[in-house]
Amino acid sequence: MASRNLSLNLHDADHTAGLARTLGRVLEPGDTILLTGNVGAGKTHFARALILSLLSHPEDIPSPTFTLVQTYESTRGMIWHADLYRLSSSYEVEELGLSDAFHDAICLVEWPDRLGSLSPDHALELAIEATGDETREVTASWTNKKWSKKLDGWAP
């Protein structure tokens, strides 16, 4: 299946959060977002805004850097937010139960390169790059056709 790409330039943190909320409106269990980018690029900021947009009541959304995974009950089912930075092998990913969550939860995965062969082929990949103090470039890549429709709200 052919790969598709979409790149957007974001002018500040509010613009990034708005993009995350727009995506959150169309997500459903079984959707996986793989977030790549350097430390400080805005992966966790994006994930927080998306998660908050799906909760019935606002709550603190901590970074899962040390817990590895945080789960939330949302208006659309379970959300898994994983930060795999500290993992060294895909065997550790299997122990987290993340592979099963890819099928029945909304999953947001930071540092998805740690997934290795466990990376779901139906995922949306979002590469976030800091282009200035507040500005970011987000490049979305996907092969599964469902993402073309889900990203209609992102059209520049």
C-alpha atoms as a PDB file:
ATOM      1  CA  MET A   1       0.000   0.000   0.000  1.00  0.00           C
ATOM      2  CA  ALA A   2       1.290   3.466  -0.882  1.00  0.00           C
ATOM      3  CA  SER A   3       2.466   5.801   1.830  1.00  0.00           C
ATOM      4  CA  ARG A   4       0.831   9.210   2.223  1.00  0.00           C
ATOM      5  CA  ASN A   5       2.262  12.326   3.862  1.00  0.00           C
ATOM      6  CA  LEU A   6       0.964  15.664   5.081  1.00  0.00           C
ATOM      7  CA  SER A   7       3.136  18.432   6.572  1.00  0.00           C
ATOM      8  CA  LEU A   8       1.924  21.406   8.567  1.00  0.00           C
ATOM      9  CA  ASN A   9       3.741  24.381  10.070  1.00  0.00           C
ATOM     10  CA  LEU A  10       2.444  25.303  13.531  1.00  0.00           C
ATOM     11  CA  HIS A  11       3.038  28.798  14.870  1.00  0.00           C
ATOM     12  CA  ASP A  12       2.734  28.157  18.644  1.00  0.00           C
ATOM     13  CA  ALA A  13       1.802  25.696  21.405  1.00  0.00           C
ATOM     14  CA  ASP A  14      -1.917  26.568  21.108  1.00  0.00           C
ATOM     15  CA  HIS A  15      -1.859  25.716  17.405  1.00  0.00           C
ATOM     16  CA  THR A  16      -0.219  22.362  18.243  1.00  0.00           C
ATOM     17  CA  ALA A  17      -2.855  21.642  20.905  1.00  0.00           C
ATOM     18  CA  GLY A  18      -5.637  22.579  18.491  1.00  0.00           C
ATOM     19  CA  LEU A  19      -4.299  20.140  15.918  1.00  0.00           C
ATOM     20  CA  ALA A  20      -4.252  17.416  18.591  1.00  0.00           C
ATOM     21  CA  ARG A  21      -7.870  18.167  19.579  1.00  0.00           C
ATOM     22  CA  THR A  22      -8.936  18.017  15.924  1.00  0.00           C
ATOM     23  CA  LEU A  23      -7.390  14.564  15.605  1.00  0.00           C
ATOM     24  CA  GLY A  24      -8.900  13.458  18.916  1.00  0.00           C
ATOM     25  CA  ARG A  25     -12.410  14.069  17.570  1.00  0.00           C
ATOM     26  CA  VAL A  26     -12.022  11.291  14.981  1.00  0.00           C
ATOM     27  CA  LEU A  27     -10.116   8.648  16.935  1.00  0.00           C
ATOM     28  CA  GLU A  28     -11.617   5.334  17.980  1.00  0.00           C
ATOM     29  CA  PRO A  29     -10.376   2.162  19.672  1.00  0.00           C
ATOM     30  CA  GLY A  30      -7.759   0.469  17.507  1.00  0.00           C
ATOM     31  CA  ASP A  31      -6.220   3.777  16.353  1.00  0.00           C
ATOM     32  CA  THR A  32      -2.515   4.158  17.112  1.00  0.00           C
ATOM     33  CA  ILE A  33      -0.487   7.370  16.876  1.00  0.00           C
ATOM     34  CA  LEU A  34       3.312   7.042  16.819  1.00  0.00           C
ATOM     35  CA  LEU A  35       4.964  10.297  17.953  1.00  0.00           C
ATOM     36  CA  THR A  36       8.570  10.907  16.940  1.00  0.00           C
ATOM     37  CA  GLY A  37      10.838  13.887  17.499  1.00  0.00           C
ATOM     38  CA  ASN A  38      13.742  15.039  19.599  1.00  0.00           C
ATOM     39  CA  VAL A  39      13.465  15.706  23.317  1.00  0.00           C
ATOM     40  CA  GLY A  40      11.481  18.934  23.700  1.00  0.00           C
ATOM     41  CA  ALA A  41       9.896  18.756  20.243  1.00  0.00           C
ATOM     42  CA  GLY A  42       6.371  18.706  21.682  1.00  0.00           C
ATOM     43  CA  LYS A  43       5.348  15.034  21.617  1.00  0.00           C
ATOM     44  CA  THR A  44       4.005  15.041  25.174  1.00  0.00           C
ATOM     45  CA  HIS A  45       2.318  18.435  24.703  1.00  0.00           C
ATOM     46  CA  PHE A  46       0.502  17.039  21.660  1.00  0.00           C
ATOM     47  CA  ALA A  47      -0.464  13.836  23.512  1.00  0.00           C
ATOM     48  CA  ARG A  48      -1.750  15.770  26.564  1.00  0.00           C
ATOM     49  CA  ALA A  49      -3.998  17.988  24.463  1.00  0.00           C
ATOM     50  CA  LEU A  50      -5.364  15.000  22.563  1.00  0.00           C
ATOM     51  CA  ILE A  51      -6.031  12.985  25.730  1.00  0.00           C
ATOM     52  CA  LEU A  52      -7.710  15.927  27.498  1.00  0.00           C
ATOM     53  CA  SER A  53     -10.001  16.392  24.494  1.00  0.00           C
ATOM     54  CA  LEU A  54     -11.353  12.865  25.029  1.00  0.00           C
ATOM     55  CA  LEU A  55     -11.862  12.907  28.804  1.00  0.00           C
ATOM     56  CA  SER A  56     -15.263  13.615  30.294  1.00  0.00           C
ATOM     57  CA  HIS A  57     -13.577  15.516  33.174  1.00  0.00           C
ATOM     58  CA  PRO A  58     -10.202  17.296  33.010  1.00  0.00           C
ATOM     59  CA  GLU A  59      -7.397  15.646  34.977  1.00  0.00           C
ATOM     60  CA  ASP A  60      -3.650  15.865  35.284  1.00  0.00           C
ATOM     61  CA  ILE A  61      -1.926  14.168  32.344  1.00  0.00           C
ATOM     62  CA  PRO A  62       1.624  13.411  33.493  1.00  0.00           C
ATOM     63  CA  SER A  63       4.352  12.374  31.116  1.00  0.00           C
ATOM     64  CA  PRO A  64       4.753   8.582  31.196  1.00  0.00           C
ATOM     65  CA  THR A  65       8.552   8.879  31.000  1.00  0.00           C
ATOM     66  CA  PHE A  66       9.072   7.058  34.297  1.00  0.00           C
ATOM     67  CA  THR A  67       5.861   5.011  34.520  1.00  0.00           C
ATOM     68  CA  LEU A  68       6.239   3.965  30.837  1.00  0.00           C
ATOM     69  CA  VAL A  69       2.447   3.810  30.338  1.00  0.00           C
ATOM     70  CA  GLN A  70      -0.480   5.862  31.606  1.00  0.00           C
ATOM     71  CA  THR A  71      -4.037   4.757  30.855  1.00  0.00           C
ATOM     72  CA  TYR A  72      -7.212   6.816  30.819  1.00  0.00           C
ATOM     73  CA  GLU A  73     -10.891   5.977  30.526  1.00  0.00           C
ATOM     74  CA  SER A  74     -12.223   8.325  27.872  1.00  0.00           C
ATOM     75  CA  THR A  75     -15.497   9.057  26.163  1.00  0.00           C
ATOM     76  CA  ARG A  76     -14.301   6.685  23.403  1.00  0.00           C
ATOM     77  CA  GLY A  77     -12.873   3.857  25.520  1.00  0.00           C
ATOM     78  CA  MET A  78      -9.402   3.314  26.900  1.00  0.00           C
ATOM     79  CA  ILE A  79      -6.457   5.498  25.948  1.00  0.00           C
ATOM     80  CA  TRP A  80      -2.913   4.235  26.422  1.00  0.00           C
ATOM     81  CA  HIS A  81      -0.139   6.867  26.484  1.00  0.00           C
ATOM     82  CA  ALA A  82       3.295   5.245  26.366  1.00  0.00           C
ATOM     83  CA  ASP A  83       6.776   6.735  26.492  1.00  0.00           C
ATOM     84  CA  LEU A  84       9.260   4.062  25.446  1.00  0.00           C
ATOM     85  CA  TYR A  85      12.395   6.216  25.747  1.00  0.00           C
ATOM     86  CA  ARG A  86      13.808   4.176  28.637  1.00  0.00           C
ATOM     87  CA  LEU A  87      13.239   0.775  27.020  1.00  0.00           C
ATOM     88  CA  SER A  88      16.057  -1.102  25.356  1.00  0.00           C
ATOM     89  CA  SER A  89      14.234  -3.954  23.584  1.00  0.00           C
ATOM     90  CA  SER A  90      10.913  -4.900  22.067  1.00  0.00           C
ATOM     91  CA  TYR A  91      10.662  -7.683  24.679  1.00  0.00           C
ATOM     92  CA  GLU A  92      10.075  -4.983  27.296  1.00  0.00           C
ATOM     93  CA  VAL A  93       7.253  -3.600  25.135  1.00  0.00           C
ATOM     94  CA  GLU A  94       5.584  -7.008  25.126  1.00  0.00           C
ATOM     95  CA  GLU A  95       5.674  -7.064  28.940  1.00  0.00           C
ATOM     96  CA  LEU A  96       3.750  -3.769  29.037  1.00  0.00           C
ATOM     97  CA  GLY A  97       0.807  -5.288  27.149  1.00  0.00           C
ATOM     98  CA  LEU A  98       0.982  -2.556  24.529  1.00  0.00           C
ATOM     99  CA  SER A  99       0.632  -4.995  21.616  1.00  0.00           C
ATOM    100  CA  ASP A 100      -2.830  -5.993  22.846  1.00  0.00           C
ATOM    101  CA  ALA A 101      -3.809  -2.351  23.402  1.00  0.00           C
ATOM    102  CA  PHE A 102      -3.088  -1.596  19.727  1.00  0.00           C
ATOM    103  CA  HIS A 103      -6.232  -3.577  18.871  1.00  0.00           C
ATOM    104  CA  ASP A 104      -8.748  -2.318  21.440  1.00  0.00           C
ATOM    105  CA  ALA A 105      -7.586   1.081  22.730  1.00  0.00           C
ATOM    106  CA  ILE A 106      -6.527   4.447  21.385  1.00  0.00           C
ATOM    107  CA  CYS A 107      -2.739   4.375  21.715  1.00  0.00           C
ATOM    108  CA  LEU A 108      -0.289   7.277  21.724  1.00  0.00           C
ATOM    109  CA  VAL A 109       3.318   6.088  21.637  1.00  0.00           C
ATOM    110  CA  GLU A 110       6.330   8.344  22.139  1.00  0.00           C
ATOM    111  CA  TRP A 111       9.706   6.975  20.989  1.00  0.00           C
ATOM    112  CA  PRO A 112       8.084   4.304  18.783  1.00  0.00           C
ATOM    113  CA  ASP A 113      11.446   3.233  17.374  1.00  0.00           C
ATOM    114  CA  ARG A 114      11.671   1.030  20.507  1.00  0.00           C
ATOM    115  CA  LEU A 115       8.741  -1.037  19.208  1.00  0.00           C
ATOM    116  CA  GLY A 116      10.853  -2.729  16.548  1.00  0.00           C
ATOM    117  CA  SER A 117       8.800  -5.376  14.733  1.00  0.00           C
ATOM    118  CA  LEU A 118       5.876  -4.763  17.130  1.00  0.00           C
ATOM    119  CA  SER A 119       5.100  -1.440  15.449  1.00  0.00           C
ATOM    120  CA  PRO A 120       1.540  -1.671  14.078  1.00  0.00           C
ATOM    121  CA  ASP A 121       1.329  -1.180  10.334  1.00  0.00           C
ATOM    122  CA  HIS A 122      -2.072   0.545  10.686  1.00  0.00           C
ATOM    123  CA  ALA A 123      -0.597   3.405  12.760  1.00  0.00           C
ATOM    124  CA  LEU A 124      -0.400   7.094  11.973  1.00  0.00           C
ATOM    125  CA  GLU A 125       3.155   8.373  12.333  1.00  0.00           C
ATOM    126  CA  LEU A 126       3.572  11.978  13.471  1.00  0.00           C
ATOM    127  CA  ALA A 127       7.054  13.461  13.298  1.00  0.00           C
ATOM    128  CA  ILE A 128       7.251  16.693  15.302  1.00  0.00           C
ATOM    129  CA  GLU A 129      10.201  19.007  14.764  1.00  0.00           C
ATOM    130  CA  ALA A 130      10.942  22.243  16.587  1.00  0.00           C
ATOM    131  CA  THR A 131      11.639  24.912  13.982  1.00  0.00           C
ATOM    132  CA  GLY A 132      11.903  27.785  16.484  1.00  0.00           C
ATOM    133  CA  ASP A 133      11.137  28.597  20.123  1.00  0.00           C
ATOM    134  CA  GLU A 134       7.376  28.132  19.644  1.00  0.00           C
ATOM    135  CA  THR A 135       7.075  26.951  16.044  1.00  0.00           C
ATOM    136  CA  ARG A 136       6.842  23.313  14.992  1.00  0.00           C
ATOM    137  CA  GLU A 137       6.566  21.313  11.815  1.00  0.00           C
ATOM    138  CA  VAL A 138       4.378  18.213  12.028  1.00  0.00           C
ATOM    139  CA  THR A 139       4.640  15.605   9.307  1.00  0.00           C
ATOM    140  CA  ALA A 140       1.990  12.899   9.255  1.00  0.00           C
ATOM    141  CA  SER A 141       2.726   9.636   7.413  1.00  0.00           C
ATOM    142  CA  TRP A 142       0.424   6.665   6.926  1.00  0.00           C
ATOM    143  CA  THR A 143      -0.307   3.697   4.708  1.00  0.00           C
ATOM    144  CA  ASN A 144      -3.728   2.680   6.056  1.00  0.00           C
ATOM    145  CA  LYS A 145      -6.419   4.452   4.027  1.00  0.00           C
ATOM    146  CA  LYS A 146      -8.517   5.243   7.137  1.00  0.00           C
ATOM    147  CA  TRP A 147      -6.099   8.060   8.018  1.00  0.00           C
ATOM    148  CA  SER A 148      -6.767  10.006   4.806  1.00  0.00           C
ATOM    149  CA  LYS A 149     -10.364  10.592   5.919  1.00  0.00           C
ATOM    150  CA  LYS A 150      -9.452  11.105   9.600  1.00  0.00           C
ATOM    151  CA  LEU A 151      -6.963  13.841   8.665  1.00  0.00           C
ATOM    152  CA  ASP A 152      -9.438  15.852   6.547  1.00  0.00           C
ATOM    153  CA  GLY A 153      -9.654  18.374   9.418  1.00  0.00           C
ATOM    154  CA  TRP A 154      -5.925  19.008   9.099  1.00  0.00           C
ATOM    155  CA  ALA A 155      -6.034  20.336   5.556  1.00  0.00           C
ATOM    156  CA  PRO A 156      -3.884  23.464   5.364  1.00  0.00           C
END
